[in-house]
């Protein structure tokens, strides 16, 4: 078993080594302002438009819709795919911004991932059906199939990467930030910790200490599972102790 390392604590705000020093209490961060619902509605509208452009791309490239007959159907289809991609990406940025204002809980990891990366799902729906329809169409020529499929695949990859939330924020992280909780994190980690002696930090030498909001700003938008369980257990024990005192207090 690897030996547990002695931590060096660095202040996130000053960059100074504060190991062993008394650290000031963290100030509560103001809640982020913004209309998450409005942003999500905007995202959904753009995503619906993206799907409409996908349908249009299929109709144009397979010559089911005769518009601008002098232009090659392949080029018209690609133009529609460009608009498809733009709508997916802009919609995803609005969705991610909304999630940073009104985030989901990280308790259900699958639901948390899906909610934060809804744009990836939309990107798949906005391009994969087009690829399948084009490849399976018997009337489309080889050039149209190859070029159209490659372009759609590239746009799918770009949309997916742009839609992925690389630094998701959880409901628990925002609660800690607004409560002014002091937390710890590592330079390359993706989570923050509420306990310096967390088992996940045993092999880490340098820890950064600051507010939960500073951790979120540093890209650590979710709380460590070990710390979350430990905090929940401590809260439950405290509540049980309070409940145990209630009958005695009522008889006084």
C-alpha atoms as a PDB file:
ATOM      1  CA  UNK A   1       0.000   0.000   0.000  1.00  0.00           C
ATOM      2  CA  UNK A   2       1.338   3.452  -0.929  1.00  0.00           C
ATOM      3  CA  UNK A   3       2.274   5.674   1.968  1.00  0.00           C
ATOM      4  CA  UNK A   4      -0.095   8.549   2.659  1.00  0.00           C
ATOM      5  CA  UNK A   5       1.576  11.829   1.676  1.00  0.00           C
ATOM      6  CA  UNK A   6       1.811  14.897   3.876  1.00  0.00           C
ATOM      7  CA  UNK A   7      -0.255  17.636   2.296  1.00  0.00           C
ATOM      8  CA  UNK A   8       1.050  21.025   1.281  1.00  0.00           C
ATOM      9  CA  UNK A   9      -1.891  23.454   1.348  1.00  0.00           C
ATOM     10  CA  UNK A  10      -1.846  26.350  -1.124  1.00  0.00           C
ATOM     11  CA  UNK A  11      -4.331  29.220  -0.905  1.00  0.00           C
ATOM     12  CA  UNK A  12      -6.306  29.469  -4.139  1.00  0.00           C
ATOM     13  CA  UNK A  13      -6.771  33.226  -3.747  1.00  0.00           C
ATOM     14  CA  UNK A  14      -3.180  34.233  -2.898  1.00  0.00           C
ATOM     15  CA  UNK A  15      -1.073  31.304  -4.082  1.00  0.00           C
ATOM     16  CA  UNK A  16       0.720  31.256  -0.716  1.00  0.00           C
ATOM     17  CA  UNK A  17       1.641  28.140   1.233  1.00  0.00           C
ATOM     18  CA  UNK A  18      -0.787  28.099   4.184  1.00  0.00           C
ATOM     19  CA  UNK A  19       0.074  24.642   5.508  1.00  0.00           C
ATOM     20  CA  UNK A  20      -0.503  24.546   9.256  1.00  0.00           C
ATOM     21  CA  UNK A  21      -1.784  28.125   9.326  1.00  0.00           C
ATOM     22  CA  UNK A  22      -5.229  29.169  10.466  1.00  0.00           C
ATOM     23  CA  UNK A  23      -7.305  29.890   7.420  1.00  0.00           C
ATOM     24  CA  UNK A  24     -10.072  32.503   7.371  1.00  0.00           C
ATOM     25  CA  UNK A  25     -13.673  31.381   7.027  1.00  0.00           C
ATOM     26  CA  UNK A  26     -14.919  31.270   3.464  1.00  0.00           C
ATOM     27  CA  UNK A  27     -17.464  33.860   2.424  1.00  0.00           C
ATOM     28  CA  UNK A  28     -20.669  32.742   0.798  1.00  0.00           C
ATOM     29  CA  UNK A  29     -20.766  33.299  -2.951  1.00  0.00           C
ATOM     30  CA  UNK A  30     -23.796  35.033  -4.445  1.00  0.00           C
ATOM     31  CA  UNK A  31     -26.097  32.790  -6.442  1.00  0.00           C
ATOM     32  CA  UNK A  32     -25.564  33.045 -10.192  1.00  0.00           C
ATOM     33  CA  UNK A  33     -28.135  35.223 -11.889  1.00  0.00           C
ATOM     34  CA  UNK A  34     -29.860  34.300 -15.108  1.00  0.00           C
ATOM     35  CA  UNK A  35     -32.974  32.665 -16.440  1.00  0.00           C
ATOM     36  CA  UNK A  36     -32.182  28.964 -16.775  1.00  0.00           C
ATOM     37  CA  UNK A  37     -35.673  28.180 -18.061  1.00  0.00           C
ATOM     38  CA  UNK A  38     -35.407  30.774 -20.822  1.00  0.00           C
ATOM     39  CA  UNK A  39     -32.024  29.419 -21.878  1.00  0.00           C
ATOM     40  CA  UNK A  40     -33.346  25.869 -21.986  1.00  0.00           C
ATOM     41  CA  UNK A  41     -36.367  26.913 -24.047  1.00  0.00           C
ATOM     42  CA  UNK A  42     -34.020  28.666 -26.469  1.00  0.00           C
ATOM     43  CA  UNK A  43     -31.869  25.538 -26.670  1.00  0.00           C
ATOM     44  CA  UNK A  44     -34.857  23.305 -27.414  1.00  0.00           C
ATOM     45  CA  UNK A  45     -36.103  25.672 -30.149  1.00  0.00           C
ATOM     46  CA  UNK A  46     -32.682  25.643 -31.803  1.00  0.00           C
ATOM     47  CA  UNK A  47     -32.470  21.867 -31.546  1.00  0.00           C
ATOM     48  CA  UNK A  48     -35.875  21.496 -33.197  1.00  0.00           C
ATOM     49  CA  UNK A  49     -34.636  23.793 -35.961  1.00  0.00           C
ATOM     50  CA  UNK A  50     -31.553  21.568 -36.304  1.00  0.00           C
ATOM     51  CA  UNK A  51     -33.739  18.507 -36.859  1.00  0.00           C
ATOM     52  CA  UNK A  52     -35.763  20.449 -39.425  1.00  0.00           C
ATOM     53  CA  UNK A  53     -32.544  21.304 -41.286  1.00  0.00           C
ATOM     54  CA  UNK A  54     -31.587  17.612 -41.205  1.00  0.00           C
ATOM     55  CA  UNK A  55     -34.881  16.720 -42.893  1.00  0.00           C
ATOM     56  CA  UNK A  56     -34.286  19.522 -45.391  1.00  0.00           C
ATOM     57  CA  UNK A  57     -30.767  18.206 -46.083  1.00  0.00           C
ATOM     58  CA  UNK A  58     -32.156  14.749 -46.878  1.00  0.00           C
ATOM     59  CA  UNK A  59     -34.819  16.213 -49.171  1.00  0.00           C
ATOM     60  CA  UNK A  60     -32.325  18.412 -51.012  1.00  0.00           C
ATOM     61  CA  UNK A  61     -29.511  15.914 -51.452  1.00  0.00           C
ATOM     62  CA  UNK A  62     -31.885  13.184 -52.677  1.00  0.00           C
ATOM     63  CA  UNK A  63     -33.694  15.688 -54.923  1.00  0.00           C
ATOM     64  CA  UNK A  64     -37.028  15.210 -53.190  1.00  0.00           C
ATOM     65  CA  UNK A  65     -37.334  18.986 -52.945  1.00  0.00           C
ATOM     66  CA  UNK A  66     -36.549  20.952 -56.103  1.00  0.00           C
ATOM     67  CA  UNK A  67     -35.195  24.306 -54.938  1.00  0.00           C
ATOM     68  CA  UNK A  68     -32.527  26.312 -56.808  1.00  0.00           C
ATOM     69  CA  UNK A  69     -32.256  23.725 -59.624  1.00  0.00           C
ATOM     70  CA  UNK A  70     -29.034  25.208 -61.003  1.00  0.00           C
ATOM     71  CA  UNK A  71     -27.133  24.284 -57.831  1.00  0.00           C
ATOM     72  CA  UNK A  72     -25.860  20.725 -57.354  1.00  0.00           C
ATOM     73  CA  UNK A  73     -28.117  18.833 -54.885  1.00  0.00           C
ATOM     74  CA  UNK A  74     -25.013  17.707 -52.986  1.00  0.00           C
ATOM     75  CA  UNK A  75     -24.015  21.306 -52.270  1.00  0.00           C
ATOM     76  CA  UNK A  76     -27.542  22.237 -51.225  1.00  0.00           C
ATOM     77  CA  UNK A  77     -27.633  19.281 -48.856  1.00  0.00           C
ATOM     78  CA  UNK A  78     -24.285  20.244 -47.325  1.00  0.00           C
ATOM     79  CA  UNK A  79     -25.500  23.830 -46.846  1.00  0.00           C
ATOM     80  CA  UNK A  80     -28.494  22.508 -44.905  1.00  0.00           C
ATOM     81  CA  UNK A  81     -26.148  20.358 -42.804  1.00  0.00           C
ATOM     82  CA  UNK A  82     -24.085  23.440 -41.948  1.00  0.00           C
ATOM     83  CA  UNK A  83     -27.210  25.149 -40.619  1.00  0.00           C
ATOM     84  CA  UNK A  84     -28.048  21.917 -38.792  1.00  0.00           C
ATOM     85  CA  UNK A  85     -24.650  21.953 -37.066  1.00  0.00           C
ATOM     86  CA  UNK A  86     -24.863  25.647 -36.159  1.00  0.00           C
ATOM     87  CA  UNK A  87     -28.242  25.167 -34.478  1.00  0.00           C
ATOM     88  CA  UNK A  88     -27.020  22.119 -32.541  1.00  0.00           C
ATOM     89  CA  UNK A  89     -23.917  23.906 -31.249  1.00  0.00           C
ATOM     90  CA  UNK A  90     -25.609  27.185 -30.278  1.00  0.00           C
ATOM     91  CA  UNK A  91     -28.418  25.263 -28.606  1.00  0.00           C
ATOM     92  CA  UNK A  92     -25.883  23.227 -26.650  1.00  0.00           C
ATOM     93  CA  UNK A  93     -24.103  26.356 -25.411  1.00  0.00           C
ATOM     94  CA  UNK A  94     -27.412  27.728 -24.115  1.00  0.00           C
ATOM     95  CA  UNK A  95     -28.178  24.389 -22.451  1.00  0.00           C
ATOM     96  CA  UNK A  96     -24.771  24.256 -20.745  1.00  0.00           C
ATOM     97  CA  UNK A  97     -25.117  27.839 -19.540  1.00  0.00           C
ATOM     98  CA  UNK A  98     -28.533  27.003 -18.069  1.00  0.00           C
ATOM     99  CA  UNK A  99     -27.055  23.987 -16.289  1.00  0.00           C
ATOM    100  CA  UNK A 100     -24.432  26.172 -14.626  1.00  0.00           C
ATOM    101  CA  UNK A 101     -27.202  28.428 -13.302  1.00  0.00           C
ATOM    102  CA  UNK A 102     -29.617  25.663 -12.304  1.00  0.00           C
ATOM    103  CA  UNK A 103     -27.591  22.421 -12.187  1.00  0.00           C
ATOM    104  CA  UNK A 104     -28.724  18.842 -11.682  1.00  0.00           C
ATOM    105  CA  UNK A 105     -27.838  16.701  -8.669  1.00  0.00           C
ATOM    106  CA  UNK A 106     -24.841  14.403  -9.050  1.00  0.00           C
ATOM    107  CA  UNK A 107     -26.389  11.669  -6.862  1.00  0.00           C
ATOM    108  CA  UNK A 108     -27.487   9.738  -9.954  1.00  0.00           C
ATOM    109  CA  UNK A 109     -24.333   9.669 -12.093  1.00  0.00           C
ATOM    110  CA  UNK A 110     -26.053   8.485 -15.294  1.00  0.00           C
ATOM    111  CA  UNK A 111     -28.849  11.053 -15.088  1.00  0.00           C
ATOM    112  CA  UNK A 112     -26.307  13.780 -14.223  1.00  0.00           C
ATOM    113  CA  UNK A 113     -24.193  12.950 -17.292  1.00  0.00           C
ATOM    114  CA  UNK A 114     -27.167  12.729 -19.637  1.00  0.00           C
ATOM    115  CA  UNK A 115     -28.665  15.994 -18.398  1.00  0.00           C
ATOM    116  CA  UNK A 116     -25.381  17.888 -18.753  1.00  0.00           C
ATOM    117  CA  UNK A 117     -24.639  16.448 -22.185  1.00  0.00           C
ATOM    118  CA  UNK A 118     -28.061  16.575 -23.798  1.00  0.00           C
ATOM    119  CA  UNK A 119     -26.420  18.337 -26.732  1.00  0.00           C
ATOM    120  CA  UNK A 120     -24.453  15.198 -27.613  1.00  0.00           C
ATOM    121  CA  UNK A 121     -27.672  13.201 -27.841  1.00  0.00           C
ATOM    122  CA  UNK A 122     -29.217  15.880 -30.050  1.00  0.00           C
ATOM    123  CA  UNK A 123     -26.093  15.927 -32.239  1.00  0.00           C
ATOM    124  CA  UNK A 124     -26.426  12.177 -32.776  1.00  0.00           C
ATOM    125  CA  UNK A 125     -30.113  12.512 -33.709  1.00  0.00           C
ATOM    126  CA  UNK A 126     -29.331  15.464 -35.973  1.00  0.00           C
ATOM    127  CA  UNK A 127     -26.781  13.617 -38.142  1.00  0.00           C
ATOM    128  CA  UNK A 128     -26.872   9.824 -37.765  1.00  0.00           C
ATOM    129  CA  UNK A 129     -30.327   9.372 -39.401  1.00  0.00           C
ATOM    130  CA  UNK A 130     -29.114  11.472 -42.341  1.00  0.00           C
ATOM    131  CA  UNK A 131     -26.075   9.205 -42.744  1.00  0.00           C
ATOM    132  CA  UNK A 132     -28.183   6.036 -42.572  1.00  0.00           C
ATOM    133  CA  UNK A 133     -30.791   7.322 -45.044  1.00  0.00           C
ATOM    134  CA  UNK A 134     -28.120   8.460 -47.501  1.00  0.00           C
ATOM    135  CA  UNK A 135     -26.134   5.220 -47.356  1.00  0.00           C
ATOM    136  CA  UNK A 136     -29.202   3.022 -47.772  1.00  0.00           C
ATOM    137  CA  UNK A 137     -30.766   5.035 -50.591  1.00  0.00           C
ATOM    138  CA  UNK A 138     -30.583   3.137 -53.872  1.00  0.00           C
ATOM    139  CA  UNK A 139     -30.989   6.175 -56.104  1.00  0.00           C
ATOM    140  CA  UNK A 140     -28.073   8.227 -54.724  1.00  0.00           C
ATOM    141  CA  UNK A 141     -24.816   7.977 -56.683  1.00  0.00           C
ATOM    142  CA  UNK A 142     -21.504   6.919 -55.127  1.00  0.00           C
ATOM    143  CA  UNK A 143     -20.061  10.444 -54.999  1.00  0.00           C
ATOM    144  CA  UNK A 144     -23.116  11.806 -53.197  1.00  0.00           C
ATOM    145  CA  UNK A 145     -23.025   8.957 -50.679  1.00  0.00           C
ATOM    146  CA  UNK A 146     -19.302   9.272 -49.946  1.00  0.00           C
ATOM    147  CA  UNK A 147     -19.100  13.066 -49.742  1.00  0.00           C
ATOM    148  CA  UNK A 148     -22.407  13.466 -47.927  1.00  0.00           C
ATOM    149  CA  UNK A 149     -21.551  10.785 -45.364  1.00  0.00           C
ATOM    150  CA  UNK A 150     -18.056  12.146 -44.684  1.00  0.00           C
ATOM    151  CA  UNK A 151     -19.323  15.713 -44.277  1.00  0.00           C
ATOM    152  CA  UNK A 152     -22.127  14.599 -41.959  1.00  0.00           C
ATOM    153  CA  UNK A 153     -19.693  12.508 -39.892  1.00  0.00           C
ATOM    154  CA  UNK A 154     -17.318  15.476 -39.530  1.00  0.00           C
ATOM    155  CA  UNK A 155     -20.172  17.772 -38.518  1.00  0.00           C
ATOM    156  CA  UNK A 156     -21.350  15.143 -36.022  1.00  0.00           C
ATOM    157  CA  UNK A 157     -17.895  15.010 -34.423  1.00  0.00           C
ATOM    158  CA  UNK A 158     -17.612  18.807 -34.260  1.00  0.00           C
ATOM    159  CA  UNK A 159     -21.104  19.154 -32.795  1.00  0.00           C
ATOM    160  CA  UNK A 160     -20.465  16.423 -30.238  1.00  0.00           C
ATOM    161  CA  UNK A 161     -17.196  17.937 -29.021  1.00  0.00           C
ATOM    162  CA  UNK A 162     -18.716  21.419 -28.841  1.00  0.00           C
ATOM    163  CA  UNK A 163     -21.772  20.123 -26.988  1.00  0.00           C
ATOM    164  CA  UNK A 164     -19.896  18.148 -24.329  1.00  0.00           C
ATOM    165  CA  UNK A 165     -19.699  19.855 -20.934  1.00  0.00           C
ATOM    166  CA  UNK A 166     -16.047  19.449 -19.970  1.00  0.00           C
ATOM    167  CA  UNK A 167     -16.567  21.108 -16.583  1.00  0.00           C
ATOM    168  CA  UNK A 168     -20.076  20.260 -15.363  1.00  0.00           C
ATOM    169  CA  UNK A 169     -21.436  21.869 -12.203  1.00  0.00           C
ATOM    170  CA  UNK A 170     -23.586  19.958  -9.735  1.00  0.00           C
ATOM    171  CA  UNK A 171     -26.423  21.052  -7.486  1.00  0.00           C
ATOM    172  CA  UNK A 172     -24.309  20.040  -4.495  1.00  0.00           C
ATOM    173  CA  UNK A 173     -21.392  22.203  -5.655  1.00  0.00           C
ATOM    174  CA  UNK A 174     -23.598  25.277  -6.009  1.00  0.00           C
ATOM    175  CA  UNK A 175     -25.082  24.641  -2.555  1.00  0.00           C
ATOM    176  CA  UNK A 176     -21.581  24.506  -1.084  1.00  0.00           C
ATOM    177  CA  UNK A 177     -20.592  27.686  -2.929  1.00  0.00           C
ATOM    178  CA  UNK A 178     -23.578  29.694  -1.746  1.00  0.00           C
ATOM    179  CA  UNK A 179     -22.989  28.435   1.802  1.00  0.00           C
ATOM    180  CA  UNK A 180     -19.402  29.683   1.678  1.00  0.00           C
ATOM    181  CA  UNK A 181     -17.895  26.265   2.360  1.00  0.00           C
ATOM    182  CA  UNK A 182     -14.097  25.937   2.393  1.00  0.00           C
ATOM    183  CA  UNK A 183     -12.937  23.078   0.173  1.00  0.00           C
ATOM    184  CA  UNK A 184      -9.828  21.424  -1.274  1.00  0.00           C
ATOM    185  CA  UNK A 185      -8.860  20.313  -4.763  1.00  0.00           C
ATOM    186  CA  UNK A 186      -5.908  19.170  -6.830  1.00  0.00           C
ATOM    187  CA  UNK A 187      -4.421  20.751  -9.930  1.00  0.00           C
ATOM    188  CA  UNK A 188      -5.522  18.061 -12.376  1.00  0.00           C
ATOM    189  CA  UNK A 189      -8.563  16.638 -10.575  1.00  0.00           C
ATOM    190  CA  UNK A 190     -12.145  17.221 -11.706  1.00  0.00           C
ATOM    191  CA  UNK A 191     -13.775  17.258  -8.254  1.00  0.00           C
ATOM    192  CA  UNK A 192     -13.408  19.203  -5.019  1.00  0.00           C
ATOM    193  CA  UNK A 193     -13.236  17.795  -1.501  1.00  0.00           C
ATOM    194  CA  UNK A 194     -14.782  19.023   1.742  1.00  0.00           C
ATOM    195  CA  UNK A 195     -12.259  17.093   3.852  1.00  0.00           C
ATOM    196  CA  UNK A 196      -8.477  17.462   3.682  1.00  0.00           C
ATOM    197  CA  UNK A 197      -8.042  13.880   4.920  1.00  0.00           C
ATOM    198  CA  UNK A 198     -10.260  12.393   2.193  1.00  0.00           C
ATOM    199  CA  UNK A 199      -8.950   8.993   1.083  1.00  0.00           C
ATOM    200  CA  UNK A 200      -8.929  10.141  -2.537  1.00  0.00           C
ATOM    201  CA  UNK A 201      -6.205  12.655  -1.621  1.00  0.00           C
ATOM    202  CA  UNK A 202      -3.843  10.204   0.103  1.00  0.00           C
ATOM    203  CA  UNK A 203      -1.354  10.211  -2.787  1.00  0.00           C
ATOM    204  CA  UNK A 204      -1.549  13.925  -3.490  1.00  0.00           C
ATOM    205  CA  UNK A 205       1.114  16.244  -2.125  1.00  0.00           C
ATOM    206  CA  UNK A 206      -0.180  19.708  -3.061  1.00  0.00           C
ATOM    207  CA  UNK A 207      -3.760  20.733  -2.342  1.00  0.00           C
ATOM    208  CA  UNK A 208      -5.456  24.012  -3.172  1.00  0.00           C
ATOM    209  CA  UNK A 209      -7.744  25.483  -0.551  1.00  0.00           C
ATOM    210  CA  UNK A 210     -10.456  28.034  -1.169  1.00  0.00           C
ATOM    211  CA  UNK A 211     -14.179  28.538  -1.440  1.00  0.00           C
ATOM    212  CA  UNK A 212     -16.413  26.127  -3.295  1.00  0.00           C
ATOM    213  CA  UNK A 213     -17.015  28.897  -5.847  1.00  0.00           C
ATOM    214  CA  UNK A 214     -13.252  29.162  -6.439  1.00  0.00           C
ATOM    215  CA  UNK A 215     -13.191  25.403  -6.971  1.00  0.00           C
ATOM    216  CA  UNK A 216     -16.023  25.671  -9.505  1.00  0.00           C
ATOM    217  CA  UNK A 217     -14.214  28.513 -11.285  1.00  0.00           C
ATOM    218  CA  UNK A 218     -11.123  26.277 -11.434  1.00  0.00           C
ATOM    219  CA  UNK A 219     -13.125  23.617 -13.273  1.00  0.00           C
ATOM    220  CA  UNK A 220     -13.904  21.418 -10.257  1.00  0.00           C
ATOM    221  CA  UNK A 221     -17.682  21.575 -10.465  1.00  0.00           C
ATOM    222  CA  UNK A 222     -18.643  18.398  -8.604  1.00  0.00           C
ATOM    223  CA  UNK A 223     -18.043  17.151  -5.073  1.00  0.00           C
ATOM    224  CA  UNK A 224     -16.024  14.002  -4.349  1.00  0.00           C
ATOM    225  CA  UNK A 225     -18.254  10.957  -3.719  1.00  0.00           C
ATOM    226  CA  UNK A 226     -16.308   9.997  -0.584  1.00  0.00           C
ATOM    227  CA  UNK A 227     -16.725  13.479   0.899  1.00  0.00           C
ATOM    228  CA  UNK A 228     -20.381  13.618  -0.101  1.00  0.00           C
ATOM    229  CA  UNK A 229     -21.125  10.339   1.708  1.00  0.00           C
ATOM    230  CA  UNK A 230     -19.092  11.446   4.731  1.00  0.00           C
ATOM    231  CA  UNK A 231     -20.957  14.755   4.951  1.00  0.00           C
ATOM    232  CA  UNK A 232     -24.312  12.998   4.584  1.00  0.00           C
ATOM    233  CA  UNK A 233     -23.423  10.557   7.375  1.00  0.00           C
ATOM    234  CA  UNK A 234     -22.316  13.400   9.662  1.00  0.00           C
ATOM    235  CA  UNK A 235     -25.523  15.322   8.963  1.00  0.00           C
ATOM    236  CA  UNK A 236     -27.622  12.231   9.654  1.00  0.00           C
ATOM    237  CA  UNK A 237     -25.785  11.589  12.942  1.00  0.00           C
ATOM    238  CA  UNK A 238     -26.275  15.205  14.000  1.00  0.00           C
ATOM    239  CA  UNK A 239     -29.972  15.009  13.164  1.00  0.00           C
ATOM    240  CA  UNK A 240     -30.320  11.792  15.181  1.00  0.00           C
ATOM    241  CA  UNK A 241     -28.621  13.469  18.148  1.00  0.00           C
ATOM    242  CA  UNK A 242     -31.014  16.416  17.901  1.00  0.00           C
ATOM    243  CA  UNK A 243     -34.007  14.096  17.612  1.00  0.00           C
ATOM    244  CA  UNK A 244     -32.798  12.207  20.679  1.00  0.00           C
ATOM    245  CA  UNK A 245     -32.786  15.418  22.706  1.00  0.00           C
ATOM    246  CA  UNK A 246     -36.261  16.537  21.653  1.00  0.00           C
ATOM    247  CA  UNK A 247     -38.324  14.353  24.063  1.00  0.00           C
ATOM    248  CA  UNK A 248     -36.222  15.413  27.045  1.00  0.00           C
ATOM    249  CA  UNK A 249     -36.479  19.060  26.075  1.00  0.00           C
ATOM    250  CA  UNK A 250     -40.239  18.742  25.694  1.00  0.00           C
ATOM    251  CA  UNK A 251     -40.597  17.475  29.286  1.00  0.00           C
ATOM    252  CA  UNK A 252     -38.667  20.350  30.865  1.00  0.00           C
END
